[in-house]
Every structure is written in structure tokens, then in C-alpha cells.
Amino acid sequence: MTRQNGVLCGTEWFTRVFEELDPDVEIFWHHKDGDDIVAGASICEIDGNARAMLTAERTAMNFVQLMSGIATKARAYAKAVEGTRAKVIDTRKTLPGLRMAQKYAVRCGGGVNYRLGLHDAILIKENHLASAGGVRPALAAALRQATSTTFVQVEVETLEQLREALDAGATLILLDNFDPARMREAVKIAGTRAELEASGGITLKNVRTVAETGVHRISIGSLTKDVEALDLSMRFMHR
């Protein structure tokens, strides 16, 4: 059962843990991934070997509590930007070994998955710009390395860098720690030449303001980095 309102996620992970220890276990789910659940609700019923259930309990609960916490946070952010063109996206700031699970949870909550790793996208950050000698040479080098399955994004910290990136042909630009006024100016400058992503210092309190500047994406590392697990519990019942 759940002690909190939230969004359920991780049912497959939960089930597989129990099945590893008791192949004959039966789990009857009352809700599915992505469902809103309310405090006091029964989420599922488990019928199986008691020893196996006690052994599996903590690992299974760790998965579903973590993933439900992520889905719940993602749902809150997604709802906060409804009616704007902005999409809430995740980052690579995930727990080691759990990236796929955490990104799945973001999707269940209504967020959008971004790149999985360094293999499927190129993000040019401030250290890359410094090493390469500026926006134009860094972007040119990245485009030479990019394949048809990767996209190239440039992170900028000023409006001057934004203009440089646009003139160099960037079509996806990350606005790092821009305030709302500079974001609105950036949207005007970019027009239809590039998609803009806002990142840095974004919380539930200000995400709507950020979305209303007209940016296309809002990346939030805390979706998967600073997670508050949903409060769930498992109780044995005598029959």
C-alpha cells in the first residue's frame, strides 16, 4: 500500500525480483505504471512463499519506491508547463546502473527522455568551448564527428555566445542559467533557426515562468538526481 499520493512506477522491476526467488509467485496489480495513486490505496497483492517474499521485499520495494518517486516528480513538472510549448526533459544525472529504470520513470510521469549517454548525442559545454577555441571551431569539430543517429547541441552562457552559435549553424542550443528576461530575448534572437533548451536553477516554483518565455525544452537534473522515494509498505495478511 502507499502512504502518499503519487504516480506508480516500477511494477515490472518489482515483479521480477519476486519471480527470481519464487517462480510460482502470483502478483495481482490493482494499478499500472503511470497511474495516479492515493494515500491508503492497495497497490497489489502477492501470493507466494513467505521466505522468498521476505527475502525479496527490500530490493523490490527499493525499485518501486525510487521509480514512483521519480514519476511523481516528473508528473508535477509536466503539469506545471501544460499549455506551453515547452517539454520537460531529463538528463544523464542518474544513479549508476539505474539509468534505464530512472528514464523509464520519467516517461511514466509525463516527462521526455533526452540522450542516454555520450554515444547518441554531442553536447558542447563550456570546457569544450575553451579547449577548442570558441563556439565556431567546437561546433565544426563536433559536426565532423556526428553521425546520422546523433544530434549536436551547444551550451551558451551569454547572448553573444548564442549569436555565435546561431551564425555557426547550431540548431539546438542550451541556455545555461539564463534568467527569464534573457531567455525571452534569446527566443527572439533565435526565431526559427534553432530550438532552445533552458537549464540551471529550475524548480517547481519557477518552471512555469521559464516555460512561458517560449523555450522549447526545459532540462531538470533533479528529476533523477535528487529523488524522494514514494512511501510504500508491504504487509503480510493471514488467510
Protein backbone atom coordinates (compact mmCIF):
# COMPACT_ATOMS: atom_id res chain seq x y z
CA MET A 1 0.00 0.00 0.00
CA THR A 2 1.02 3.63 -0.36
CA ARG A 3 1.19 6.17 2.42
CA GLN A 4 1.40 9.07 -0.05
CA ASN A 5 -0.31 10.34 -3.15
CA GLY A 6 1.86 9.84 -6.19
CA VAL A 7 2.42 8.13 -9.54
CA LEU A 8 3.10 4.40 -9.61
CA CYS A 9 6.14 3.14 -11.49
CA GLY A 10 8.37 0.08 -11.43
CA THR A 11 5.84 -2.75 -11.40
CA GLU A 12 7.90 -4.91 -13.78
CA TRP A 13 11.06 -4.48 -11.71
CA PHE A 14 9.09 -5.31 -8.56
CA THR A 15 7.57 -8.43 -10.11
CA ARG A 16 10.86 -9.73 -11.48
CA VAL A 17 12.57 -9.54 -8.08
CA PHE A 18 9.92 -11.79 -6.53
CA GLU A 19 9.95 -14.16 -9.50
CA GLU A 20 13.72 -14.62 -9.16
CA LEU A 21 13.20 -16.08 -5.68
CA ASP A 22 9.84 -17.77 -6.18
CA PRO A 23 8.97 -18.69 -9.80
CA ASP A 24 5.46 -19.64 -8.69
CA VAL A 25 4.66 -16.31 -7.04
CA GLU A 26 1.48 -14.57 -8.18
CA ILE A 27 1.16 -10.78 -8.08
CA PHE A 28 -2.20 -9.15 -8.68
CA TRP A 29 -1.78 -5.49 -9.57
CA HIS A 30 -4.58 -3.03 -8.84
CA HIS A 31 -2.78 -0.24 -10.71
CA LYS A 32 -0.35 0.03 -13.62
CA ASP A 33 2.72 2.15 -14.25
CA GLY A 34 1.77 5.78 -14.79
CA ASP A 35 -1.41 5.60 -12.71
CA ASP A 36 -2.09 8.19 -10.04
CA ILE A 37 -2.35 6.52 -6.65
CA VAL A 38 -3.77 7.97 -3.44
CA ALA A 39 -2.60 7.55 0.13
CA GLY A 40 -4.04 4.42 1.73
CA ALA A 41 -4.62 2.63 -1.56
CA SER A 42 -3.67 -1.02 -2.03
CA ILE A 43 -1.31 -1.29 -4.99
CA CYS A 44 -1.03 -5.03 -5.40
CA GLU A 45 -1.50 -8.39 -3.69
CA ILE A 46 1.23 -11.05 -3.59
CA ASP A 47 0.64 -14.77 -3.14
CA GLY A 48 3.77 -16.85 -2.70
CA ASN A 49 6.35 -18.44 -0.45
CA ALA A 50 6.77 -16.42 2.75
CA ARG A 51 10.53 -16.89 3.00
CA ALA A 52 11.01 -15.78 -0.60
CA MET A 53 8.79 -12.76 -0.10
CA LEU A 54 10.70 -11.63 2.97
CA THR A 55 13.99 -12.04 1.13
CA ALA A 56 12.76 -10.13 -1.93
CA GLU A 57 10.86 -7.42 -0.08
CA ARG A 58 13.52 -4.74 0.35
CA THR A 59 15.04 -4.99 -3.12
CA ALA A 60 11.63 -4.98 -4.78
CA MET A 61 10.44 -2.08 -2.65
CA ASN A 62 13.61 -0.11 -3.38
CA PHE A 63 12.89 -0.30 -7.09
CA VAL A 64 9.23 0.69 -6.96
CA GLN A 65 9.68 3.40 -4.32
CA LEU A 66 12.54 5.05 -6.21
CA MET A 67 10.86 4.84 -9.60
CA SER A 68 7.50 6.01 -8.25
CA GLY A 69 9.23 8.97 -6.62
CA ILE A 70 10.76 9.95 -9.96
CA ALA A 71 7.48 9.50 -11.84
CA THR A 72 5.67 11.58 -9.23
CA LYS A 73 8.16 14.45 -9.55
CA ALA A 74 8.09 14.28 -13.35
CA ARG A 75 4.28 14.42 -13.33
CA ALA A 76 4.37 17.58 -11.18
CA TYR A 77 6.76 19.32 -13.57
CA ALA A 78 4.87 18.18 -16.67
CA LYS A 79 1.61 19.51 -15.28
CA ALA A 80 3.26 22.80 -14.35
CA VAL A 81 4.14 23.56 -18.01
CA GLU A 82 0.88 22.41 -19.59
CA GLY A 83 -0.39 24.84 -22.20
CA THR A 84 3.11 25.98 -23.24
CA ARG A 85 5.28 24.51 -25.97
CA ALA A 86 7.98 23.54 -23.50
CA LYS A 87 8.72 19.90 -22.75
CA VAL A 88 10.26 18.73 -19.50
CA ILE A 89 13.27 16.55 -20.25
CA ASP A 90 15.67 14.51 -18.15
CA THR A 91 19.48 14.43 -18.12
CA ARG A 92 22.35 11.95 -17.66
CA LYS A 93 22.43 12.72 -13.92
CA THR A 94 21.27 9.26 -12.91
CA LEU A 95 22.27 6.65 -10.35
CA PRO A 96 24.96 4.22 -11.61
CA GLY A 97 23.36 1.11 -13.09
CA LEU A 98 19.83 2.53 -12.92
CA ARG A 99 19.74 4.93 -15.86
CA MET A 100 17.22 2.96 -17.92
CA ALA A 101 14.92 2.46 -14.94
CA GLN A 102 15.06 6.12 -13.99
CA LYS A 103 14.47 7.35 -17.51
CA TYR A 104 11.52 4.97 -17.85
CA ALA A 105 10.11 6.50 -14.67
CA VAL A 106 10.44 9.99 -16.14
CA ARG A 107 8.37 8.88 -19.14
CA CYS A 108 5.73 7.36 -16.88
CA GLY A 109 5.39 10.70 -15.14
CA GLY A 110 4.94 12.65 -18.37
CA GLY A 111 8.50 13.84 -18.94
CA VAL A 112 10.59 13.27 -22.06
CA ASN A 113 13.80 11.27 -22.27
CA TYR A 114 16.87 13.07 -23.53
CA ARG A 115 20.11 11.39 -24.57
CA LEU A 116 21.02 8.12 -22.89
CA GLY A 117 24.77 8.64 -22.92
CA LEU A 118 27.72 10.03 -24.85
CA HIS A 119 27.03 7.70 -27.77
CA ASP A 120 23.76 9.17 -29.03
CA ALA A 121 24.37 12.94 -28.80
CA ILE A 122 27.09 15.56 -28.54
CA LEU A 123 26.71 18.35 -26.00
CA ILE A 124 29.34 21.07 -26.33
CA LYS A 125 29.84 22.60 -22.89
CA GLU A 126 31.98 25.45 -21.56
CA ASN A 127 35.12 23.30 -21.18
CA HIS A 128 34.79 22.09 -24.76
CA LEU A 129 34.47 25.69 -25.97
CA ALA A 130 37.57 26.69 -24.02
CA SER A 131 39.56 23.71 -25.30
CA ALA A 132 38.52 24.18 -28.93
CA GLY A 133 38.97 27.96 -29.01
CA GLY A 134 35.36 29.09 -29.18
CA VAL A 135 31.90 28.24 -30.41
CA ARG A 136 32.60 28.02 -34.13
CA PRO A 137 35.61 25.65 -34.05
CA ALA A 138 33.99 23.50 -31.36
CA LEU A 139 30.79 23.13 -33.37
CA ALA A 140 32.67 22.41 -36.58
CA ALA A 141 34.68 19.66 -34.89
CA ALA A 142 31.55 18.15 -33.37
CA LEU A 143 29.68 18.13 -36.67
CA ARG A 144 32.59 16.32 -38.31
CA GLN A 145 32.27 13.57 -35.70
CA ALA A 146 28.48 13.37 -35.62
CA THR A 147 26.66 10.52 -37.32
CA SER A 148 23.12 10.34 -38.61
CA THR A 149 22.00 8.91 -35.25
CA THR A 150 23.42 11.68 -33.08
CA PHE A 151 22.48 15.30 -32.60
CA VAL A 152 24.75 18.19 -31.68
CA GLN A 153 23.87 20.76 -29.03
CA VAL A 154 25.81 23.82 -27.90
CA GLU A 155 25.64 25.23 -24.38
CA VAL A 156 25.87 29.02 -24.16
CA GLU A 157 26.14 31.34 -21.17
CA THR A 158 25.62 34.71 -22.87
CA LEU A 159 23.55 36.23 -25.66
CA GLU A 160 26.78 36.91 -27.54
CA GLN A 161 27.59 33.20 -27.48
CA LEU A 162 24.04 32.47 -28.61
CA ARG A 163 24.53 34.68 -31.67
CA GLU A 164 27.87 32.97 -32.38
CA ALA A 165 26.25 29.55 -32.16
CA LEU A 166 23.44 30.55 -34.50
CA ASP A 167 25.86 32.07 -37.02
CA ALA A 168 27.91 28.85 -36.87
CA GLY A 169 24.84 26.79 -37.77
CA ALA A 170 23.75 25.42 -34.40
CA THR A 171 20.18 24.18 -34.45
CA LEU A 172 19.92 23.04 -30.82
CA ILE A 173 21.17 25.39 -28.13
CA LEU A 174 21.18 25.09 -24.34
CA LEU A 175 20.75 28.31 -22.37
CA ASP A 176 22.78 27.77 -19.20
CA ASN A 177 21.46 29.63 -16.15
CA PHE A 178 19.72 32.37 -18.13
CA ASP A 179 17.18 34.44 -16.19
CA PRO A 180 13.67 34.73 -17.70
CA ALA A 181 14.34 38.12 -19.26
CA ARG A 182 17.41 36.84 -21.12
CA MET A 183 15.51 33.69 -22.12
CA ARG A 184 12.81 35.79 -23.75
CA GLU A 185 15.47 37.79 -25.58
CA ALA A 186 17.15 34.57 -26.66
CA VAL A 187 13.88 33.25 -28.06
CA LYS A 188 13.51 36.44 -30.14
CA ILE A 189 17.08 36.24 -31.40
CA ALA A 190 16.87 32.55 -32.34
CA GLY A 191 13.49 32.78 -34.03
CA THR A 192 13.02 29.61 -36.06
CA ARG A 193 16.73 28.98 -36.58
CA ALA A 194 17.21 26.79 -33.51
CA GLU A 195 15.43 25.02 -30.69
CA LEU A 196 16.28 26.39 -27.27
CA GLU A 197 16.64 24.48 -24.03
CA ALA A 198 16.65 26.09 -20.60
CA SER A 199 18.73 24.57 -17.82
CA GLY A 200 20.06 25.50 -14.40
CA GLY A 201 18.31 26.54 -11.21
CA ILE A 202 14.87 25.39 -12.34
CA THR A 203 12.39 24.31 -9.68
CA LEU A 204 8.66 23.72 -9.45
CA LYS A 205 8.33 27.31 -8.26
CA ASN A 206 9.78 28.85 -11.39
CA VAL A 207 9.37 26.22 -14.12
CA ARG A 208 6.12 27.78 -15.37
CA THR A 209 7.80 31.16 -15.71
CA VAL A 210 10.63 29.54 -17.66
CA ALA A 211 8.19 27.71 -19.94
CA GLU A 212 6.32 30.92 -20.71
CA THR A 213 9.47 32.53 -22.13
CA GLY A 214 8.97 30.41 -25.23
CA VAL A 215 11.83 27.92 -24.88
CA HIS A 216 11.24 24.51 -26.44
CA ARG A 217 12.76 22.32 -23.72
CA ILE A 218 13.47 22.51 -20.02
CA SER A 219 16.05 20.07 -18.69
CA ILE A 220 15.88 19.21 -14.99
CA GLY A 221 18.64 17.11 -13.47
CA SER A 222 16.84 16.81 -10.15
CA LEU A 223 14.22 14.54 -11.76
CA THR A 224 16.69 11.67 -11.42
CA LYS A 225 19.43 13.09 -9.21
CA ASP A 226 17.61 14.39 -6.14
CA VAL A 227 14.88 11.82 -5.67
CA GLU A 228 12.48 11.47 -2.76
CA ALA A 229 11.20 7.90 -2.78
CA LEU A 230 7.47 7.38 -2.51
CA ASP A 231 6.47 5.99 0.89
CA LEU A 232 5.20 2.44 0.29
CA SER A 233 4.88 -0.54 2.60
CA MET A 234 4.27 -4.29 2.35
CA ARG A 235 2.20 -6.13 4.93
CA PHE A 236 1.51 -9.83 5.42
CA MET A 237 -2.12 -10.83 5.78
CA HIS A 238 -3.34 -14.06 7.38
CA ARG A 239 -5.91 -16.08 5.47
